[in-house]
């Protein structure tokens, strides 16, 4: 995304992270839906088709997760780091600058 669009949306560097997070959430939702559909279907052909789609969705989720971890957008093992990241994203969404609310965040985490 170019600088003009980043300024217009007010997202700055968060844009790529927001898109990746949205994609990850959609992949998780798809996995749940395919699994549920599998429990409701009866024919072997439909069951096979849904199983293939479920496996594709799981592979996509893994790729998105790896991308986000490598970029530093997602910390599934380090809860404290993820909490800091989530607080920063929430503050950005509320329109607060990180310097305005940094002391607030530090007191919440400790």
Protein backbone atom coordinates (compact mmCIF):
# COMPACT_ATOMS: atom_id res chain seq x y z
CA UNK A 1 0.00 0.00 0.00
CA UNK A 2 1.40 3.41 -0.89
CA UNK A 3 2.01 6.15 1.67
CA UNK A 4 -0.96 8.23 0.49
CA UNK A 5 -3.39 5.39 1.15
CA UNK A 6 -1.79 4.65 4.52
CA UNK A 7 -2.27 8.28 5.51
CA UNK A 8 -5.86 8.34 4.22
CA UNK A 9 -6.86 5.21 6.12
CA UNK A 10 -4.95 6.22 9.24
CA UNK A 11 -3.50 2.75 9.46
CA UNK A 12 0.16 3.38 8.66
CA UNK A 13 2.18 0.19 9.02
CA UNK A 14 -0.75 -1.64 10.59
CA UNK A 15 -2.51 -2.19 7.26
CA UNK A 16 -0.63 -5.34 6.28
CA UNK A 17 -1.05 -6.74 9.78
CA UNK A 18 -4.78 -6.00 9.78
CA UNK A 19 -5.25 -7.71 6.42
CA UNK A 20 -3.25 -10.76 7.51
CA UNK A 21 -5.18 -10.99 10.79
CA UNK A 22 -8.50 -10.77 8.96
CA UNK A 23 -7.35 -13.49 6.55
CA UNK A 24 -6.29 -15.70 9.48
CA UNK A 25 -9.66 -15.25 11.20
CA UNK A 26 -11.47 -16.10 7.96
CA UNK A 27 -9.35 -19.24 7.56
CA UNK A 28 -10.19 -20.32 11.12
CA UNK A 29 -13.87 -19.76 10.46
CA UNK A 30 -13.68 -21.78 7.25
CA UNK A 31 -12.03 -24.68 9.06
CA UNK A 32 -14.79 -24.72 11.66
CA UNK A 33 -17.48 -24.59 8.99
CA UNK A 34 -15.98 -27.41 6.94
CA UNK A 35 -15.62 -29.57 10.05
CA UNK A 36 -19.25 -28.93 10.98
CA UNK A 37 -20.43 -29.67 7.45
CA UNK A 38 -18.52 -32.97 7.52
CA UNK A 39 -20.46 -34.07 10.58
CA UNK A 40 -23.74 -33.38 8.78
CA UNK A 41 -23.12 -34.97 5.39
CA UNK A 42 -24.01 -38.52 4.49
CA UNK A 43 -22.75 -39.39 1.03
CA UNK A 44 -19.15 -40.58 0.64
CA UNK A 45 -18.60 -38.31 -2.37
CA UNK A 46 -19.64 -35.20 -0.45
CA UNK A 47 -17.66 -36.30 2.58
CA UNK A 48 -14.55 -36.71 0.38
CA UNK A 49 -15.02 -33.29 -1.24
CA UNK A 50 -15.45 -31.57 2.14
CA UNK A 51 -12.44 -33.41 3.56
CA UNK A 52 -10.29 -32.11 0.69
CA UNK A 53 -11.59 -28.57 1.26
CA UNK A 54 -10.93 -28.88 5.00
CA UNK A 55 -7.35 -30.02 4.37
CA UNK A 56 -6.80 -27.10 1.97
CA UNK A 57 -8.18 -24.68 4.57
CA UNK A 58 -5.86 -26.12 7.24
CA UNK A 59 -2.84 -25.72 4.92
CA UNK A 60 -3.88 -22.13 4.18
CA UNK A 61 -4.21 -21.41 7.90
CA UNK A 62 -0.72 -22.79 8.47
CA UNK A 63 0.74 -20.61 5.71
CA UNK A 64 -0.94 -17.47 7.06
CA UNK A 65 0.18 -18.28 10.61
CA UNK A 66 3.78 -18.81 9.50
CA UNK A 67 3.70 -15.56 7.53
CA UNK A 68 2.37 -13.62 10.51
CA UNK A 69 4.87 -15.16 12.93
CA UNK A 70 7.77 -14.39 10.58
CA UNK A 71 6.60 -10.78 10.20
CA UNK A 72 6.17 -10.38 13.96
CA UNK A 73 2.40 -9.90 13.68
CA UNK A 74 1.43 -12.97 15.67
CA UNK A 75 2.96 -14.54 18.79
CA UNK A 76 1.01 -17.74 19.49
CA UNK A 77 3.57 -19.02 22.00
CA UNK A 78 4.47 -15.76 23.76
CA UNK A 79 1.22 -14.58 25.32
CA UNK A 80 2.65 -11.40 26.86
CA UNK A 81 4.08 -10.28 23.50
CA UNK A 82 0.75 -11.04 21.81
CA UNK A 83 -1.12 -9.06 24.44
CA UNK A 84 1.16 -6.06 23.86
CA UNK A 85 0.58 -6.35 20.12
CA UNK A 86 -3.19 -6.62 20.59
CA UNK A 87 -3.24 -3.58 22.88
CA UNK A 88 -1.26 -1.58 20.34
CA UNK A 89 -3.69 -2.57 17.57
CA UNK A 90 -6.68 -1.65 19.74
CA UNK A 91 -5.18 1.74 20.55
CA UNK A 92 -4.49 2.38 16.88
CA UNK A 93 -8.07 1.44 16.04
CA UNK A 94 -9.33 3.89 18.67
CA UNK A 95 -7.21 6.63 17.17
CA UNK A 96 -4.77 6.96 20.06
CA UNK A 97 -1.11 7.47 19.31
CA UNK A 98 1.19 4.90 20.93
CA UNK A 99 2.92 7.64 22.95
CA UNK A 100 -0.40 8.84 24.42
CA UNK A 101 -1.35 5.44 25.67
CA UNK A 102 1.99 3.71 26.23
CA UNK A 103 1.94 4.40 29.95
CA UNK A 104 -1.63 3.09 30.05
CA UNK A 105 -0.59 -0.14 28.33
CA UNK A 106 2.41 -0.72 30.53
CA UNK A 107 0.31 -0.42 33.67
CA UNK A 108 -2.30 -2.82 32.26
CA UNK A 109 0.24 -5.51 31.37
CA UNK A 110 2.21 -5.39 34.59
